[in-house]
Amino acid sequence: MTSPMMTARSMFLAPLLLAACGGRTLYSTATQVTPLAPVDAYKCAQAQFKALGYSMTAHDDAGFRLVGQKRDTVTRISSIQVRKILDQLEVQAKPRSTGDSELTIQARSVVELQNAGGLQQDQREASVQVKADAAALLEHCTAAAADSTVPQAGY
């Protein structure tokens, strides 16, 4: 049988444990509507991957989805298990009924570890650099659309 003191204690500790164990989101997501057609937004994102130094690790040409990564050379973690830290971007251009598209970018950071069980990837809070890269990609691909709609003189 549980005492009233034990019940009161567990009622007090349960929310604290949930708050401590309940995680915040480790990745950063940004979405913006662009006047570009999905295929053009997808091509813009591909070009920006190269410009920002990301290598493409997965792509879905029919679904207008890209995943890329680059090595984080700034962040340091003191552990012999850490092999490398990676910044990853996942981009998807979704068509909208109006002919334009919605560009969604998810930025995350991952630590690759070597342990007795082999290689393991643990997600960490998105680094400042990967968030800046995501913002730059989004800004470039929406600005590229705005620049292409400006009428040229003499035409």
Protein backbone atom coordinates (compact mmCIF):
# COMPACT_ATOMS: atom_id res chain seq x y z
CA MET A 1 0.00 0.00 0.00
CA THR A 2 1.32 3.44 -0.87
CA SER A 3 1.37 6.23 1.63
CA PRO A 4 -0.15 9.64 0.92
CA MET A 5 3.37 11.10 1.19
CA MET A 6 4.62 8.74 -1.54
CA THR A 7 1.68 9.61 -3.79
CA ALA A 8 2.22 13.35 -3.28
CA ARG A 9 5.94 12.94 -4.01
CA SER A 10 5.30 10.99 -7.23
CA MET A 11 2.73 13.56 -8.37
CA PHE A 12 5.34 16.27 -7.88
CA LEU A 13 8.22 14.38 -9.52
CA ALA A 14 6.35 13.03 -12.55
CA PRO A 15 6.04 16.40 -14.36
CA LEU A 16 9.70 17.17 -13.61
CA LEU A 17 10.82 13.87 -15.09
CA LEU A 18 8.64 14.35 -18.14
CA ALA A 19 10.05 17.84 -18.65
CA ALA A 20 13.60 16.55 -18.31
CA CYS A 21 13.09 13.57 -20.62
CA GLY A 22 10.77 15.28 -23.05
CA GLY A 23 13.03 16.70 -25.68
CA ARG A 24 13.02 19.87 -27.58
CA THR A 25 13.35 19.72 -31.33
CA LEU A 26 16.96 19.23 -32.37
CA TYR A 27 16.46 20.28 -35.97
CA SER A 28 15.43 23.58 -37.51
CA THR A 29 12.75 23.84 -40.19
CA ALA A 30 11.93 26.77 -42.44
CA THR A 31 9.22 26.96 -45.10
CA GLN A 32 8.59 29.66 -47.66
CA VAL A 33 6.42 30.00 -50.73
CA THR A 34 8.36 30.77 -53.89
CA PRO A 35 6.94 31.78 -57.28
CA LEU A 36 9.22 29.18 -58.89
CA ALA A 37 7.68 26.00 -60.21
CA PRO A 38 8.68 22.96 -58.11
CA VAL A 39 11.18 21.72 -60.71
CA ASP A 40 12.88 25.14 -60.79
CA ALA A 41 12.97 25.41 -56.98
CA TYR A 42 14.46 21.89 -56.90
CA LYS A 43 17.15 22.84 -59.43
CA CYS A 44 17.91 26.02 -57.48
CA ALA A 45 18.37 23.97 -54.30
CA GLN A 46 20.69 21.56 -56.13
CA ALA A 47 22.84 24.46 -57.31
CA GLN A 48 22.91 25.94 -53.80
CA PHE A 49 24.02 22.61 -52.33
CA LYS A 50 27.13 22.83 -54.49
CA ALA A 51 27.69 26.52 -53.77
CA LEU A 52 27.43 25.96 -50.00
CA GLY A 53 29.75 22.92 -50.06
CA TYR A 54 27.18 20.17 -49.45
CA SER A 55 27.44 16.80 -51.15
CA MET A 56 24.14 15.27 -52.17
CA THR A 57 23.50 12.02 -50.28
CA ALA A 58 19.96 11.34 -51.53
CA HIS A 59 17.59 12.77 -54.09
CA ASP A 60 14.12 12.12 -55.42
CA ASP A 61 13.70 13.88 -58.76
CA ALA A 62 9.99 12.98 -59.01
CA GLY A 63 9.26 14.17 -55.46
CA PHE A 64 11.56 17.23 -55.71
CA ARG A 65 13.44 16.21 -52.54
CA LEU A 66 17.17 16.51 -51.75
CA VAL A 67 19.35 15.53 -48.82
CA GLY A 68 22.93 16.68 -48.48
CA GLN A 69 25.66 16.93 -45.91
CA LYS A 70 28.98 18.56 -45.21
CA ARG A 71 31.51 18.13 -42.48
CA ASP A 72 31.40 20.56 -39.55
CA THR A 73 35.02 21.59 -39.05
CA VAL A 74 34.32 24.15 -36.30
CA THR A 75 32.53 22.18 -33.56
CA ARG A 76 34.71 20.07 -31.28
CA ILE A 77 33.63 17.24 -28.99
CA SER A 78 36.12 15.69 -26.59
CA SER A 79 35.54 11.96 -27.05
CA ILE A 80 37.55 9.20 -28.67
CA GLN A 81 34.32 7.75 -30.06
CA VAL A 82 33.56 10.79 -32.23
CA ARG A 83 34.60 10.25 -35.84
CA LYS A 84 33.07 13.37 -37.36
CA ILE A 85 30.32 15.93 -37.03
CA LEU A 86 28.07 16.50 -40.02
CA ASP A 87 25.68 19.27 -40.97
CA GLN A 88 22.73 18.01 -43.01
CA LEU A 89 20.13 19.80 -45.11
CA GLU A 90 16.93 18.22 -46.36
CA VAL A 91 15.02 20.22 -48.97
CA GLN A 92 11.62 19.58 -50.51
CA ALA A 93 9.76 21.64 -53.09
CA LYS A 94 6.03 20.94 -52.95
CA PRO A 95 3.76 22.06 -55.77
CA ARG A 96 0.85 24.32 -54.88
CA SER A 97 -2.45 24.65 -56.70
CA THR A 98 -1.47 28.16 -57.82
CA GLY A 99 1.48 26.88 -59.90
CA ASP A 100 4.14 28.11 -57.52
CA SER A 101 5.78 25.96 -54.86
CA GLU A 102 6.44 25.71 -51.17
CA LEU A 103 10.11 25.21 -50.31
CA THR A 104 10.77 23.47 -46.99
CA ILE A 105 14.28 23.12 -45.57
CA GLN A 106 15.18 21.06 -42.53
CA ALA A 107 18.62 21.67 -41.00
CA ARG A 108 20.23 19.28 -38.52
CA SER A 109 23.59 18.33 -37.08
CA VAL A 110 24.70 14.74 -36.54
CA VAL A 111 27.63 13.22 -34.67
CA GLU A 112 29.06 10.04 -36.12
CA LEU A 113 30.40 7.76 -33.37
CA GLN A 114 32.48 4.60 -33.46
CA ASN A 115 31.67 2.26 -30.59
CA ALA A 116 31.69 -1.47 -29.85
CA GLY A 117 28.45 -1.88 -31.82
CA GLY A 118 29.89 -0.21 -34.93
CA LEU A 119 29.07 3.17 -36.44
CA GLN A 120 26.27 5.15 -34.88
CA GLN A 121 24.81 8.55 -35.75
CA ASP A 122 23.36 10.70 -32.99
CA GLN A 123 21.41 13.82 -33.79
CA ARG A 124 22.45 17.02 -32.01
CA GLU A 125 20.97 20.47 -31.93
CA ALA A 126 21.36 22.12 -35.34
CA SER A 127 24.59 24.12 -35.50
CA VAL A 128 24.66 27.84 -36.16
CA GLN A 129 26.36 27.15 -39.51
CA VAL A 130 23.75 24.68 -40.81
CA LYS A 131 20.98 27.10 -39.81
CA ALA A 132 22.78 29.90 -41.69
CA ASP A 133 23.23 27.64 -44.73
CA ALA A 134 19.51 26.78 -44.70
CA ALA A 135 18.59 30.46 -44.49
CA ALA A 136 20.99 31.32 -47.33
CA LEU A 137 19.57 28.56 -49.55
CA LEU A 138 16.01 29.64 -48.86
CA GLU A 139 16.82 33.30 -49.44
CA HIS A 140 18.70 32.59 -52.68
CA CYS A 141 15.99 30.36 -54.15
CA THR A 142 13.21 32.82 -53.32
CA ALA A 143 15.30 35.84 -54.43
CA ALA A 144 16.18 34.05 -57.67
CA ALA A 145 12.46 33.78 -58.35
CA ALA A 146 11.92 37.46 -57.63
CA ASP A 147 14.85 38.45 -59.87
CA SER A 148 13.55 36.32 -62.74
CA THR A 149 10.15 38.03 -62.68
CA VAL A 150 11.62 41.54 -63.07
CA PRO A 151 11.01 42.71 -66.65
CA GLN A 152 14.19 43.43 -68.59
CA ALA A 153 14.58 46.79 -70.33
CA GLY A 154 14.52 46.66 -74.14
CA TYR A 155 12.33 43.57 -74.45
